[in-house]
Amino acid sequence: MLTSSFTASIRGGAVALAALAALCVSCGAEPEPQPLPGASDSIATVPTSAAEAAEAAASAEAAAGQTTPPAEPDPTPAPEKVRDAFAGLQATLDDSCATSGCAYFLGRVHDELLRLDRAMKADPKGPGHFPRPIELIAELEAELGGDSSFENLKKHETLLVGTRDKINTWMQDHPDDYR
């Protein structure tokens, strides 16, 4: 009796091993399309690759009379949110020419102000929602005369940093306008 149970155990192991080997071999082979349940073999099969799935979807769409082209991605990114641009400006509050490279600091403050200006003008609420900050940036830009060189930014450092500080104060007083 012991021999027969041992033999049955070996046979069971061999069957399991053969099934496992067959599964491993079939994983490397291209699977055959399988008929969909309830469909005749000549009508529909289950796609076995991404290409077949895409082709099947296109065929089904064409057969249904829906030949809408795929949507084109929007080439222009969505405008930046005012809160994100303002956070960038706030990140300059603890810096100065004394604490970091002066050229880097002044350039960054100027860039962050321009970034905030663009975000405010593109905001769905409209540029009229941020009149004072936009006005302050316009005054700064008029004074800079389009020259964002270090020498010119250094010459106007007081105005540049003052504009940043005034805008920070205005924004802090109007939190619902940018959140």
Protein backbone atom coordinates (compact mmCIF):
# COMPACT_ATOMS: atom_id res chain seq x y z
CA MET A 1 0.00 0.00 0.00
CA LEU A 2 2.85 2.29 0.77
CA THR A 3 4.29 1.69 -2.68
CA SER A 4 1.06 2.55 -4.45
CA SER A 5 0.67 5.85 -2.62
CA PHE A 6 4.30 6.68 -3.34
CA THR A 7 3.77 5.86 -7.02
CA ALA A 8 0.61 8.01 -7.11
CA SER A 9 2.52 10.83 -5.48
CA ILE A 10 5.27 10.61 -8.10
CA ARG A 11 2.70 10.49 -10.90
CA GLY A 12 0.94 13.57 -9.47
CA GLY A 13 4.24 15.41 -9.25
CA ALA A 14 5.13 14.40 -12.80
CA VAL A 15 1.76 15.62 -14.06
CA ALA A 16 2.21 18.94 -12.24
CA LEU A 17 5.75 19.26 -13.59
CA ALA A 18 4.57 18.52 -17.15
CA ALA A 19 1.78 21.10 -16.85
CA LEU A 20 4.24 23.67 -15.55
CA ALA A 21 6.68 22.93 -18.38
CA ALA A 22 3.89 23.23 -20.95
CA LEU A 23 2.86 26.57 -19.45
CA CYS A 24 6.43 27.86 -19.61
CA VAL A 25 6.79 26.83 -23.24
CA SER A 26 3.47 28.38 -24.19
CA CYS A 27 4.40 31.70 -22.57
CA GLY A 28 7.16 32.21 -25.11
CA ALA A 29 5.00 31.32 -28.10
CA GLU A 30 2.59 33.64 -29.93
CA PRO A 31 -0.91 32.70 -28.66
CA GLU A 32 -3.63 31.82 -31.09
CA PRO A 33 -6.66 34.13 -31.16
CA GLN A 34 -9.51 32.72 -29.11
CA PRO A 35 -13.14 33.08 -30.18
CA LEU A 36 -15.25 35.46 -28.13
CA PRO A 37 -17.96 33.72 -26.11
CA GLY A 38 -21.17 33.51 -28.07
CA ALA A 39 -19.56 34.53 -31.37
CA SER A 40 -18.83 32.36 -34.36
CA ASP A 41 -15.17 31.86 -35.27
CA SER A 42 -15.57 33.87 -38.45
CA ILE A 43 -16.99 36.96 -36.72
CA ALA A 44 -14.80 37.92 -33.79
CA THR A 45 -11.75 36.74 -31.91
CA VAL A 46 -9.99 37.98 -28.80
CA PRO A 47 -6.93 40.03 -29.81
CA THR A 48 -3.68 38.63 -28.46
CA SER A 49 -1.35 41.59 -28.97
CA ALA A 50 -1.52 45.34 -28.62
CA ALA A 51 -1.39 45.75 -32.40
CA GLU A 52 -4.27 43.34 -32.87
CA ALA A 53 -6.25 45.11 -30.16
CA ALA A 54 -5.72 48.48 -31.84
CA GLU A 55 -6.67 47.05 -35.21
CA ALA A 56 -9.77 45.41 -33.73
CA ALA A 57 -10.79 48.70 -32.09
CA ALA A 58 -10.32 50.60 -35.36
CA SER A 59 -12.32 47.98 -37.24
CA ALA A 60 -15.12 48.07 -34.69
CA GLU A 61 -15.22 51.87 -34.83
CA ALA A 62 -15.31 51.89 -38.62
CA ALA A 63 -17.99 49.21 -38.64
CA ALA A 64 -20.08 51.29 -36.26
CA GLY A 65 -19.80 54.27 -38.61
CA GLN A 66 -17.78 56.34 -36.13
CA THR A 67 -14.77 57.60 -38.00
CA THR A 68 -13.82 60.46 -35.70
CA PRO A 69 -10.11 61.11 -35.78
CA PRO A 70 -8.25 60.86 -32.49
CA ALA A 71 -8.03 64.09 -30.54
CA GLU A 72 -4.87 66.09 -31.14
CA PRO A 73 -2.92 66.95 -27.99
CA ASP A 74 -2.98 70.63 -27.12
CA PRO A 75 0.42 72.05 -28.17
CA THR A 76 0.20 74.95 -25.72
CA PRO A 77 0.52 74.08 -22.05
CA ALA A 78 -2.05 75.36 -19.62
CA PRO A 79 -1.12 78.70 -18.08
CA GLU A 80 0.55 78.55 -14.71
CA LYS A 81 -1.65 79.09 -11.68
CA VAL A 82 -1.19 82.38 -9.84
CA ARG A 83 -0.68 80.58 -6.54
CA ASP A 84 2.26 78.61 -7.98
CA ALA A 85 3.89 81.70 -9.46
CA PHE A 86 3.35 83.59 -6.20
CA ALA A 87 4.99 80.73 -4.28
CA GLY A 88 8.05 81.18 -6.50
CA LEU A 89 8.17 84.87 -5.68
CA GLN A 90 7.77 84.17 -1.97
CA ALA A 91 10.73 81.82 -2.14
CA THR A 92 12.93 84.88 -2.71
CA LEU A 93 11.83 86.67 0.48
CA ASP A 94 14.66 85.37 2.66
CA ASP A 95 17.36 86.07 0.07
CA SER A 96 19.28 89.22 -0.71
CA CYS A 97 22.50 90.27 -2.40
CA ALA A 98 24.17 89.76 0.97
CA THR A 99 22.96 86.16 1.44
CA SER A 100 23.40 84.79 -2.09
CA GLY A 101 25.06 85.75 -5.35
CA CYS A 102 23.75 89.21 -6.15
CA ALA A 103 23.40 88.58 -9.90
CA TYR A 104 21.51 85.35 -9.23
CA PHE A 105 19.28 86.94 -6.61
CA LEU A 106 18.32 90.02 -8.65
CA GLY A 107 17.78 87.94 -11.78
CA ARG A 108 15.61 85.49 -9.89
CA VAL A 109 13.44 88.18 -8.31
CA HIS A 110 12.97 89.76 -11.74
CA ASP A 111 12.14 86.39 -13.34
CA GLU A 112 9.67 85.52 -10.58
CA LEU A 113 7.93 88.88 -10.97
CA LEU A 114 7.57 88.31 -14.72
CA ARG A 115 6.33 84.78 -14.10
CA LEU A 116 3.71 86.10 -11.68
CA ASP A 117 2.71 88.81 -14.18
CA ARG A 118 2.13 86.19 -16.91
CA ALA A 119 0.12 83.99 -14.55
CA MET A 120 -2.08 86.88 -13.41
CA LYS A 121 -2.77 87.99 -16.97
CA ALA A 122 -3.67 84.42 -17.99
CA ASP A 123 -5.81 83.70 -14.91
CA PRO A 124 -9.45 82.76 -15.67
CA LYS A 125 -10.59 85.57 -13.34
CA GLY A 126 -8.94 88.02 -15.71
CA PRO A 127 -6.09 90.49 -15.30
CA GLY A 128 -8.50 93.00 -13.73
CA HIS A 129 -8.57 90.73 -10.70
CA PHE A 130 -4.94 91.64 -9.90
CA PRO A 131 -4.77 95.37 -10.73
CA ARG A 132 -2.17 96.53 -8.24
CA PRO A 133 0.45 93.78 -8.74
CA ILE A 134 0.18 94.07 -12.53
CA GLU A 135 0.51 97.86 -12.24
CA LEU A 136 3.59 97.56 -9.99
CA ILE A 137 5.28 95.14 -12.40
CA ALA A 138 4.49 97.41 -15.36
CA GLU A 139 6.05 100.37 -13.53
CA LEU A 140 9.16 98.29 -12.78
CA GLU A 141 9.47 97.13 -16.37
CA ALA A 142 9.08 100.69 -17.66
CA GLU A 143 11.88 101.82 -15.34
CA LEU A 144 14.11 98.91 -16.39
CA GLY A 145 13.49 99.80 -20.04
CA GLY A 146 13.67 96.20 -21.20
CA ASP A 147 17.23 95.81 -19.88
CA SER A 148 17.48 92.86 -17.52
CA SER A 149 21.29 92.88 -17.32
CA PHE A 150 22.85 92.55 -13.89
CA GLU A 151 24.16 96.10 -14.07
CA ASN A 152 20.69 97.51 -14.71
CA LEU A 153 19.02 95.27 -12.12
CA LYS A 154 21.67 96.29 -9.56
CA LYS A 155 21.06 99.96 -10.42
CA HIS A 156 17.33 99.42 -9.74
CA GLU A 157 17.75 96.96 -6.85
CA THR A 158 15.70 99.07 -4.42
CA LEU A 159 12.81 99.33 -6.88
CA LEU A 160 13.04 95.61 -7.79
CA VAL A 161 13.02 94.38 -4.19
CA GLY A 162 10.44 97.00 -3.20
CA THR A 163 8.14 95.84 -5.99
CA ARG A 164 8.50 92.26 -4.78
CA ASP A 165 7.70 93.29 -1.21
CA LYS A 166 4.68 95.43 -2.18
CA ILE A 167 3.26 92.60 -4.29
CA ASN A 168 3.84 90.14 -1.45
CA THR A 169 1.92 92.42 0.92
CA TRP A 170 -0.92 92.90 -1.60
CA MET A 171 -1.20 89.16 -2.22
CA GLN A 172 -1.18 88.38 1.51
CA ASP A 173 -4.06 90.84 1.92
CA HIS A 174 -6.01 89.14 -0.91
CA PRO A 175 -5.61 85.38 -0.30
CA ASP A 176 -8.95 84.47 -1.90
CA ASP A 177 -7.82 86.08 -5.15
CA TYR A 178 -5.17 83.49 -5.91
CA ARG A 179 -6.16 80.27 -4.11
